[in-house]
Amino acid sequence: MNTENRQEKAALAEARQSRIAQIQEALLDWHDITKKLGYVPLFEQFSATAAERDVQHRLALEEARQIKAQGFGALRLAQAQGGSGVTLPELFFVVRDLARADPNIAHIFRNHFFAVEQHLAAPDTPFAARLLPQVADGKTLGVAFNELTGEPAGAVGRTPGTQLEKDATQPGWRISGTKIYSTGNLYADYLLASVSDPDSAAVKQFFVSTQAEGVRLDDDWHGFGQKLTGSGTTVFDRVYVAPEDLFDTPPRPTVNTPHGPRVLFGFTFHQVYLTTIITGVIDRILADALALVGKRTRNYYHGLTELPAQEPEIQSTIGRIAAWRGAAIASTDRAIHALDHAWQHRNTPDAYEASRLSTLAASEAKVVVDETAATLASLLIDVASGSGVSTQAALDRHWRNIKVIASHNPRIYKERVLGDHYLNGTDLPTGAFF
C-alpha cells in the first residue's frame, strides 16, 4: 500500500470515528434543562468517580455539598421564592441525568423533593412557612417516619412508638425514638419526623436540625446496592423541639366524586422518582456498553469478525439495549406527565380521575422498567466480556443498584394489583407505594 492510499484509509477511519462519536453523543446527550441549569460539568465529574465511590464505600458528602451549593434543592421553588422555577417534568429529567451520573446521589434527594412538593401545594400553612424558606436558603430535608412496629409495610395510619414528652424546664418537648430506612438523612440539613402525642393520640410531625443535640445519624445501611444513600438509622435521644417546630401532620387530600369522597393517591411522586432513577441507570448501561465495545480491539477466535464492534451478536445486543432503553424512558415519561397532569388538576372536579390515571401510569412504568433494567444490566456484562468483570470498574453496581431501588415496592405485587383492577374493577390501594 502506497503512502497516498494509507493516508486515504486513515482519513476514512478518522471520519468514521467522528461519525460514531456524533451518533453516540446525540443518543446520550444531557437533557436541555440540565444544560440550562449548568449542571453538566458537575454531573460529568460525579459520573467519572461513581465506580470509585462504590468500591471504596465513600459517602458522597462532598458531591452532595457541591450540588446543594448550586441550588439543586430549590429547583421547584419559583424564582421569586429563591428557586429555579423548573416544571415538575423538568425536575424528573434533571434527576434522570443525575442518576445516570450516580444513582446514589439522585436517590439522596427523593424525600426532600417530595416534602417540597407537599408544602408547595399548601404554601400558606405554618409548616410550609417554616420549611420553604430553609429550602430557598439552600438547605435540604430528610424524613424519619419508619419504625420497627410490626405493622404491614406502607400501611396508612400507623402510630409511631416515638412519643412527645413535655420538657420540664422550658416550653417545648423532648423526643426520643429510633427510625429506620432514613434515606438521605446523612446528607440533610433538617429532618421532618413523626411522633405521637400520648394525650390526644394524634400523630404529629416535628422539624429539627440534623446538627441538634441528641440527633444521631448512623450509616448502618447494609444493602448490596445504593450503598451510599445514607439509608440507615436515625436516633433521637431526648432531642429538644420548640413549640413552633411541632406541627399537625398534613392531611391526605380528599375530593368528592360521583361515588362519594375519595382520597387522592398521595405517594405516586415517590414511585415515579424511583423509576426515573432506574432509567438513569439504564442510560449509563448503554453508555458503558458503547464505550466498552468501542475500546475492545480483540475478538474471540471463533467470532465472525476481527473487531467486537463488527460482531453481529454484539451489534444485536447493543441494539436491544438501546431499543429497550427507549421503551423504558417512554413508559416513564408517560408516568411523569400523568403525575404532572394530576398535580395541576388536584383542585378541580377531575382531581380523583387524574390521580388514579397517574398512579396507574406509574405502576405500569415500574413493571416495565424494573424487569427490563435488570436484564439490560446483565447484557452489559455480555458485551463487555472478560474485560467487564473488574471490581474496580464495578459494572455490577448497575444491577445491584437497580434491584435495590426496585425492592422499595416489589414489582410482583404491583402486577397483581394492576391485573385485579383491570379485570375486576378493584379499587387501587391508597397507602404508600401508590
Protein backbone atom coordinates (compact mmCIF):
# COMPACT_ATOMS: atom_id res chain seq x y z
CA MET A 1 0.00 0.00 0.00
CA ASN A 2 1.48 3.35 -1.05
CA THR A 3 1.60 6.47 1.11
CA GLU A 4 -1.38 8.07 -0.61
CA ASN A 5 -3.60 5.00 -0.01
CA ARG A 6 -2.54 4.83 3.64
CA GLN A 7 -3.40 8.48 4.14
CA GLU A 8 -6.77 7.99 2.47
CA LYS A 9 -7.52 4.95 4.65
CA ALA A 10 -6.52 6.85 7.78
CA ALA A 11 -8.71 9.80 6.79
CA LEU A 12 -11.68 7.50 6.23
CA ALA A 13 -11.11 5.81 9.61
CA GLU A 14 -10.92 9.18 11.32
CA ALA A 15 -14.12 10.34 9.64
CA ARG A 16 -15.84 7.11 10.67
CA GLN A 17 -14.78 7.54 14.31
CA SER A 18 -16.01 11.13 14.24
CA ARG A 19 -19.36 9.99 12.88
CA ILE A 20 -19.63 7.28 15.54
CA ALA A 21 -18.91 9.87 18.24
CA GLN A 22 -21.61 12.17 16.85
CA ILE A 23 -24.20 9.38 16.81
CA GLN A 24 -23.39 8.29 20.35
CA GLU A 25 -23.30 11.85 21.67
CA ALA A 26 -26.73 12.57 20.18
CA LEU A 27 -28.07 9.30 21.62
CA LEU A 28 -26.86 10.04 25.13
CA ASP A 29 -26.90 13.83 25.29
CA TRP A 30 -27.75 15.56 28.56
CA HIS A 31 -31.27 16.97 28.76
CA ASP A 32 -31.77 20.60 27.78
CA ILE A 33 -32.82 21.61 31.30
CA THR A 34 -29.65 20.05 32.76
CA LYS A 35 -27.61 22.14 30.33
CA LYS A 36 -29.62 25.28 31.07
CA LEU A 37 -29.07 24.90 34.81
CA GLY A 38 -25.32 24.46 34.29
CA TYR A 39 -25.12 21.01 35.85
CA VAL A 40 -23.32 19.17 33.05
CA PRO A 41 -19.73 19.68 34.34
CA LEU A 42 -20.78 18.61 37.84
CA PHE A 43 -22.65 15.54 36.60
CA GLU A 44 -19.71 14.52 34.41
CA GLN A 45 -17.48 14.78 37.47
CA PHE A 46 -19.88 12.63 39.50
CA SER A 47 -20.02 10.10 36.66
CA ALA A 48 -16.25 9.78 36.42
CA THR A 49 -15.90 8.97 40.14
CA ALA A 50 -19.07 6.88 40.73
CA ALA A 51 -17.37 3.48 40.45
CA GLU A 52 -14.61 4.54 42.81
CA ARG A 53 -17.12 5.68 45.43
CA ASP A 54 -18.98 2.38 45.16
CA VAL A 55 -15.82 0.29 45.52
CA GLN A 56 -14.43 2.33 48.42
CA HIS A 57 -17.82 2.83 50.11
CA ARG A 58 -17.06 6.55 50.19
CA LEU A 59 -20.12 8.59 51.09
CA ALA A 60 -20.97 11.33 48.57
CA LEU A 61 -20.71 14.08 51.18
CA GLU A 62 -18.62 16.44 49.06
CA GLU A 63 -20.71 15.74 45.96
CA ALA A 64 -23.92 16.49 47.88
CA ARG A 65 -22.40 19.71 49.18
CA GLN A 66 -21.45 20.77 45.66
CA ILE A 67 -24.85 20.16 44.13
CA LYS A 68 -26.67 21.78 47.03
CA ALA A 69 -24.46 24.84 46.61
CA GLN A 70 -25.69 25.08 43.02
CA GLY A 71 -29.34 25.34 44.11
CA PHE A 72 -30.39 21.76 43.45
CA GLY A 73 -32.70 21.53 46.44
CA ALA A 74 -34.62 24.65 45.39
CA LEU A 75 -35.24 23.63 41.77
CA ARG A 76 -39.01 23.56 42.20
CA LEU A 77 -39.32 26.84 44.06
CA ALA A 78 -40.34 29.79 41.92
CA GLN A 79 -37.62 32.25 41.06
CA ALA A 80 -39.35 34.85 43.23
CA GLN A 81 -39.01 32.39 46.14
CA GLY A 82 -35.30 31.90 45.55
CA GLY A 83 -35.53 28.81 43.34
CA SER A 84 -35.11 27.91 39.68
CA GLY A 85 -38.80 27.60 38.83
CA VAL A 86 -38.44 24.35 36.89
CA THR A 87 -41.57 22.39 35.99
CA LEU A 88 -42.28 19.01 37.55
CA PRO A 89 -41.30 17.11 34.36
CA GLU A 90 -38.08 19.15 34.17
CA LEU A 91 -37.25 18.14 37.74
CA PHE A 92 -37.52 14.47 36.79
CA PHE A 93 -35.41 14.99 33.65
CA VAL A 94 -32.63 16.51 35.77
CA VAL A 95 -32.96 13.65 38.27
CA ARG A 96 -32.60 11.13 35.42
CA ASP A 97 -29.39 12.81 34.28
CA LEU A 98 -28.08 12.86 37.85
CA ALA A 99 -28.94 9.16 38.23
CA ARG A 100 -27.02 8.43 35.04
CA ALA A 101 -24.01 10.02 36.73
CA ASP A 102 -24.61 8.36 40.12
CA PRO A 103 -27.98 6.95 41.24
CA ASN A 104 -26.94 7.16 44.89
CA ILE A 105 -26.77 10.96 44.71
CA ALA A 106 -30.10 11.17 42.88
CA HIS A 107 -31.74 8.93 45.50
CA ILE A 108 -30.47 11.06 48.38
CA PHE A 109 -32.89 13.85 47.47
CA ARG A 110 -36.10 11.87 46.89
CA ASN A 111 -37.64 12.61 50.30
CA HIS A 112 -36.50 16.23 50.10
CA PHE A 113 -38.30 16.84 46.83
CA PHE A 114 -41.48 15.13 47.99
CA ALA A 115 -41.56 17.30 51.11
CA VAL A 116 -41.08 20.38 48.95
CA GLU A 117 -43.94 19.33 46.66
CA GLN A 118 -46.22 18.61 49.59
CA HIS A 119 -45.69 22.06 51.09
CA LEU A 120 -45.74 23.93 47.79
CA ALA A 121 -49.30 22.59 47.49
CA ALA A 122 -50.22 24.32 50.78
CA PRO A 123 -47.86 27.32 50.91
CA ASP A 124 -49.93 29.32 53.40
CA THR A 125 -49.70 26.83 56.27
CA PRO A 126 -47.37 27.44 59.24
CA PHE A 127 -45.50 24.25 58.36
CA ALA A 128 -44.75 25.47 54.82
CA ALA A 129 -43.83 28.91 56.13
CA ARG A 130 -41.22 27.28 58.38
CA LEU A 131 -39.87 24.83 55.83
CA LEU A 132 -39.80 26.51 52.41
CA PRO A 133 -37.55 29.47 53.38
CA GLN A 134 -34.94 26.96 54.53
CA VAL A 135 -35.13 25.26 51.12
CA ALA A 136 -34.73 28.63 49.39
CA ASP A 137 -31.64 29.17 51.53
CA GLY A 138 -30.05 26.02 50.09
CA LYS A 139 -30.92 23.63 52.89
CA THR A 140 -32.24 20.12 52.22
CA LEU A 141 -34.65 17.91 54.08
CA GLY A 142 -34.72 14.32 55.22
CA VAL A 143 -37.56 12.37 56.79
CA ALA A 144 -37.77 9.98 59.71
CA PHE A 145 -41.10 8.18 59.70
CA ASN A 146 -40.42 4.43 59.61
CA GLU A 147 -40.14 2.38 62.77
CA LEU A 148 -39.96 -1.31 63.63
CA THR A 149 -43.57 -1.58 64.79
CA GLY A 150 -44.54 -4.92 63.29
CA GLU A 151 -47.28 -3.29 61.21
CA PRO A 152 -47.57 -4.03 57.46
CA ALA A 153 -45.10 -2.10 55.30
CA GLY A 154 -46.62 1.06 53.86
CA ALA A 155 -49.84 0.90 55.88
CA VAL A 156 -51.61 4.22 56.41
CA GLY A 157 -52.47 5.39 59.90
CA ARG A 158 -49.56 3.81 61.70
CA THR A 159 -48.94 5.23 65.17
CA PRO A 160 -45.25 5.83 65.83
CA GLY A 161 -43.77 4.47 69.01
CA THR A 162 -41.82 7.71 69.34
CA GLN A 163 -43.80 9.93 71.75
CA LEU A 164 -43.89 13.53 72.87
CA GLU A 165 -42.64 14.29 76.34
CA LYS A 166 -43.06 17.79 77.80
CA ASP A 167 -39.81 19.50 78.69
CA ALA A 168 -39.69 20.13 82.43
CA THR A 169 -37.59 23.28 82.23
CA GLN A 170 -38.88 25.27 79.26
CA PRO A 171 -41.76 25.41 76.79
CA GLY A 172 -41.42 22.66 74.24
CA TRP A 173 -40.82 18.94 74.06
CA ARG A 174 -38.24 16.22 74.46
CA ILE A 175 -38.38 13.42 71.93
CA SER A 176 -36.66 10.04 71.96
CA GLY A 177 -37.01 7.25 69.43
CA THR A 178 -35.41 5.27 66.64
CA LYS A 179 -36.32 5.47 62.95
CA ILE A 180 -35.21 3.13 60.16
CA TYR A 181 -34.72 3.41 56.37
CA SER A 182 -33.69 7.04 56.70
CA THR A 183 -32.71 7.56 53.06
CA GLY A 184 -30.68 10.73 52.57
CA ASN A 185 -30.67 11.86 56.19
CA LEU A 186 -26.88 11.72 56.44
CA TYR A 187 -26.77 14.45 53.81
CA ALA A 188 -29.72 16.57 55.01
CA ASP A 189 -29.72 19.82 56.98
CA TYR A 190 -33.13 19.33 58.58
CA LEU A 191 -35.42 16.42 59.35
CA LEU A 192 -39.18 16.02 59.30
CA ALA A 193 -40.08 13.25 61.73
CA SER A 194 -43.23 11.64 63.08
CA VAL A 195 -44.19 11.48 66.73
CA SER A 196 -47.34 10.57 68.63
CA ASP A 197 -48.98 12.74 71.27
CA PRO A 198 -49.89 10.48 74.22
CA ASP A 199 -52.51 12.96 75.43
CA SER A 200 -54.52 13.20 72.18
CA ALA A 201 -53.26 10.08 70.34
CA ALA A 202 -52.67 12.38 67.34
CA VAL A 203 -49.69 11.84 65.07
CA LYS A 204 -47.61 15.00 64.73
CA GLN A 205 -44.52 15.98 62.79
CA PHE A 206 -41.56 17.89 64.14
CA PHE A 207 -38.87 19.88 62.40
CA VAL A 208 -35.32 19.62 63.70
CA SER A 209 -31.78 20.30 62.55
CA THR A 210 -29.60 17.28 61.87
CA GLN A 211 -26.98 19.07 63.99
CA ALA A 212 -29.27 19.39 67.02
CA GLU A 213 -28.08 17.88 70.27
CA GLY A 214 -29.33 14.33 70.63
CA VAL A 215 -29.75 13.64 66.88
CA ARG A 216 -27.65 10.71 65.66
CA LEU A 217 -27.45 9.54 62.06
CA ASP A 218 -25.98 6.07 61.66
CA ASP A 219 -24.54 4.80 58.38
CA ASP A 220 -25.68 1.25 59.11
CA TRP A 221 -27.45 0.52 55.82
CA HIS A 222 -26.13 -2.83 54.57
CA GLY A 223 -27.85 -3.19 51.20
CA PHE A 224 -25.83 -4.65 48.34
CA GLY A 225 -26.81 -1.70 46.14
CA GLN A 226 -27.43 2.03 46.62
CA LYS A 227 -24.85 1.68 49.36
CA LEU A 228 -24.13 5.39 49.67
CA THR A 229 -27.64 6.81 50.14
CA GLY A 230 -27.37 7.09 53.91
CA SER A 231 -30.42 4.85 54.32
CA GLY A 232 -29.54 3.86 57.86
CA THR A 233 -30.92 4.58 61.31
CA THR A 234 -31.92 7.94 62.77
CA VAL A 235 -31.84 8.11 66.56
CA PHE A 236 -33.42 10.86 68.68
CA ASP A 237 -32.11 10.96 72.25
CA ARG A 238 -34.11 13.49 74.25
CA VAL A 239 -33.97 15.95 71.37
CA TYR A 240 -35.45 19.34 72.24
CA VAL A 241 -38.23 20.55 69.94
CA ALA A 242 -39.53 24.09 70.35
CA PRO A 243 -43.32 24.67 70.29
CA GLU A 244 -43.07 26.41 66.90
CA ASP A 245 -41.39 23.33 65.39
CA LEU A 246 -44.18 20.88 66.18
CA PHE A 247 -46.90 20.65 63.53
CA ASP A 248 -50.06 18.78 62.70
CA THR A 249 -49.45 16.10 60.08
CA PRO A 250 -50.56 17.44 56.68
CA PRO A 251 -53.95 15.86 55.86
CA ARG A 252 -54.40 13.49 52.96
CA PRO A 253 -56.20 15.37 50.13
CA THR A 254 -59.79 14.14 49.74
CA VAL A 255 -62.18 15.06 46.93
CA ASN A 256 -65.84 14.43 46.18
CA THR A 257 -66.65 12.08 43.29
CA PRO A 258 -69.91 10.58 41.92
CA HIS A 259 -69.06 7.56 44.10
CA GLY A 260 -68.56 9.57 47.26
CA PRO A 261 -65.47 11.10 48.87
CA ARG A 262 -62.17 9.65 47.64
CA VAL A 263 -58.64 10.06 48.95
CA LEU A 264 -56.16 11.10 46.28
CA PHE A 265 -53.18 8.86 45.69
CA GLY A 266 -50.56 10.61 47.77
CA PHE A 267 -47.39 8.63 47.10
CA THR A 268 -47.19 8.44 43.31
CA PHE A 269 -44.39 11.01 43.33
CA HIS A 270 -42.10 8.61 45.22
CA GLN A 271 -42.71 5.82 42.71
CA VAL A 272 -42.15 8.00 39.65
CA TYR A 273 -38.97 9.34 41.23
CA LEU A 274 -37.55 5.86 41.83
CA THR A 275 -38.45 4.63 38.36
CA THR A 276 -36.85 7.75 36.89
CA ILE A 277 -33.64 6.91 38.76
CA ILE A 278 -33.63 3.44 37.23
CA THR A 279 -34.00 4.90 33.73
CA GLY A 280 -30.93 7.00 34.52
CA VAL A 281 -29.07 3.78 35.34
CA ILE A 282 -30.24 2.37 32.00
CA ASP A 283 -28.74 5.43 30.29
CA ARG A 284 -25.45 4.65 32.00
CA ILE A 285 -25.66 0.98 30.97
CA LEU A 286 -25.95 1.96 27.31
CA ALA A 287 -23.12 4.50 27.63
CA ASP A 288 -20.89 1.91 29.31
CA ALA A 289 -21.77 -0.73 26.72
CA LEU A 290 -20.88 1.55 23.81
CA ALA A 291 -17.63 2.64 25.44
CA LEU A 292 -16.55 -0.90 26.35
CA VAL A 293 -17.25 -2.41 22.95
CA GLY A 294 -15.65 0.55 21.20
CA LYS A 295 -12.40 0.02 23.15
CA ARG A 296 -12.19 -3.72 22.57
CA THR A 297 -9.57 -4.50 19.91
CA ARG A 298 -9.52 -8.27 20.26
CA ASN A 299 -12.32 -10.69 19.44
CA TYR A 300 -12.65 -14.39 20.26
CA TYR A 301 -11.03 -16.76 17.80
CA HIS A 302 -14.39 -18.31 17.00
CA GLY A 303 -16.06 -14.96 16.36
CA LEU A 304 -17.07 -13.93 12.88
CA THR A 305 -15.11 -10.67 12.66
CA GLU A 306 -11.81 -9.23 13.76
CA LEU A 307 -13.27 -6.49 15.96
CA PRO A 308 -16.07 -6.95 18.54
CA ALA A 309 -17.80 -3.81 17.21
CA GLN A 310 -18.29 -5.67 13.90
CA GLU A 311 -19.53 -8.90 15.54
CA PRO A 312 -23.23 -9.47 14.63
CA GLU A 313 -24.14 -10.83 18.09
CA ILE A 314 -22.57 -7.81 19.80
CA GLN A 315 -24.36 -5.45 17.43
CA SER A 316 -27.65 -7.20 18.11
CA THR A 317 -27.19 -6.92 21.88
CA ILE A 318 -26.30 -3.23 21.69
CA GLY A 319 -29.39 -2.72 19.54
CA ARG A 320 -31.53 -4.45 22.14
CA ILE A 321 -30.11 -2.34 24.98
CA ALA A 322 -30.75 0.85 23.00
CA ALA A 323 -34.29 -0.15 21.98
CA TRP A 324 -35.33 -1.30 25.45
CA ARG A 325 -33.85 1.87 26.90
CA GLY A 326 -36.08 3.88 24.58
CA ALA A 327 -39.14 1.90 25.66
CA ALA A 328 -38.30 2.26 29.36
CA ILE A 329 -37.86 6.02 29.06
CA ALA A 330 -41.08 6.40 27.06
CA SER A 331 -43.05 4.46 29.68
CA THR A 332 -41.53 6.52 32.48
CA ASP A 333 -42.05 9.84 30.70
CA ARG A 334 -45.73 8.91 30.28
CA ALA A 335 -45.91 8.46 34.07
CA ILE A 336 -44.08 11.75 34.64
CA HIS A 337 -46.54 13.68 32.51
CA ALA A 338 -49.52 11.89 34.07
CA LEU A 339 -48.26 12.92 37.52
CA ASP A 340 -47.80 16.49 36.33
CA HIS A 341 -51.38 16.48 34.99
CA ALA A 342 -52.66 15.17 38.33
CA TRP A 343 -50.65 17.81 40.22
CA GLN A 344 -52.15 20.58 38.09
CA HIS A 345 -55.72 19.27 38.48
CA ARG A 346 -55.70 18.44 42.18
CA ASN A 347 -58.16 21.26 42.93
CA THR A 348 -60.56 20.53 40.06
CA PRO A 349 -63.53 18.17 39.65
CA ASP A 350 -61.19 15.86 37.69
CA ALA A 351 -58.77 15.50 40.59
CA TYR A 352 -59.55 11.90 41.52
CA GLU A 353 -59.55 10.55 37.97
CA ALA A 354 -56.31 12.37 37.19
CA SER A 355 -54.79 10.96 40.36
CA ARG A 356 -55.98 7.43 39.52
CA LEU A 357 -54.59 7.57 35.99
CA SER A 358 -51.32 8.91 37.36
CA THR A 359 -50.78 6.05 39.78
CA LEU A 360 -51.76 3.55 37.08
CA ALA A 361 -49.18 5.02 34.71
CA ALA A 362 -46.56 4.96 37.45
CA SER A 363 -47.38 1.34 38.28
CA GLU A 364 -47.20 0.24 34.66
CA ALA A 365 -43.90 2.04 34.18
CA LYS A 366 -42.49 0.32 37.24
CA VAL A 367 -43.45 -3.13 35.98
CA VAL A 368 -41.83 -2.44 32.61
CA VAL A 369 -38.71 -0.69 33.85
CA ASP A 370 -37.78 -2.85 36.86
CA GLU A 371 -37.61 -6.09 34.89
CA THR A 372 -36.16 -4.56 31.72
CA ALA A 373 -33.42 -2.68 33.55
CA ALA A 374 -32.13 -5.74 35.40
CA THR A 375 -31.93 -7.63 32.10
CA LEU A 376 -30.03 -4.78 30.45
CA ALA A 377 -27.53 -4.72 33.32
CA SER A 378 -26.80 -8.38 32.60
CA LEU A 379 -26.49 -7.74 28.86
CA LEU A 380 -23.84 -5.12 29.63
CA ILE A 381 -21.60 -7.85 31.03
CA ASP A 382 -22.29 -9.99 27.97
CA VAL A 383 -20.93 -7.36 25.57
CA ALA A 384 -18.11 -6.36 27.90
CA SER A 385 -16.90 -9.95 28.14
CA GLY A 386 -13.97 -10.65 30.46
CA SER A 387 -12.90 -7.02 30.48
CA GLY A 388 -16.17 -6.08 32.16
CA VAL A 389 -15.81 -8.02 35.41
CA SER A 390 -13.13 -5.88 37.06
CA THR A 391 -14.01 -4.99 40.63
CA GLN A 392 -12.52 -1.54 40.04
CA ALA A 393 -14.85 -0.86 37.11
CA ALA A 394 -17.74 -2.03 39.33
CA LEU A 395 -20.10 -2.58 36.39
CA ASP A 396 -22.04 -4.97 38.61
CA ARG A 397 -23.18 -1.93 40.59
CA HIS A 398 -25.76 -1.19 37.91
CA TRP A 399 -27.60 -4.47 38.54
CA ARG A 400 -27.20 -4.14 42.30
CA ASN A 401 -28.49 -0.56 42.33
CA ILE A 402 -31.45 -1.42 40.09
CA LYS A 403 -32.55 -4.33 42.27
CA VAL A 404 -32.28 -2.33 45.49
CA ILE A 405 -34.23 0.63 44.08
CA ALA A 406 -36.90 -1.73 42.71
CA SER A 407 -37.19 -3.53 46.06
CA HIS A 408 -38.74 -0.44 47.66
CA ASN A 409 -42.01 -1.52 46.10
CA PRO A 410 -41.85 -5.08 44.70
CA ARG A 411 -42.96 -5.36 41.08
CA ILE A 412 -44.80 -8.67 41.61
CA TYR A 413 -47.29 -7.01 43.98
CA LYS A 414 -47.86 -4.19 41.50
CA GLU A 415 -48.56 -6.63 38.67
CA ARG A 416 -51.30 -8.34 40.68
CA VAL A 417 -52.90 -5.04 41.70
CA LEU A 418 -52.94 -3.86 38.09
CA GLY A 419 -54.47 -7.10 36.85
CA ASP A 420 -57.15 -7.12 39.56
CA HIS A 421 -58.04 -3.51 38.78
CA TYR A 422 -58.36 -4.05 35.05
CA LEU A 423 -60.16 -7.40 35.31
CA ASN A 424 -62.45 -6.79 38.27
CA GLY A 425 -62.54 -3.04 38.82
CA THR A 426 -60.99 -3.44 42.26
CA ASP A 427 -60.00 -0.10 43.75
CA LEU A 428 -56.31 0.63 43.88
CA PRO A 429 -54.69 0.88 47.32
CA THR A 430 -54.30 4.43 48.61
CA GLY A 431 -51.46 3.87 51.07
CA ALA A 432 -47.76 4.07 50.40
CA PHE A 433 -46.42 2.75 47.07
CA PHE A 434 -49.40 4.21 45.10
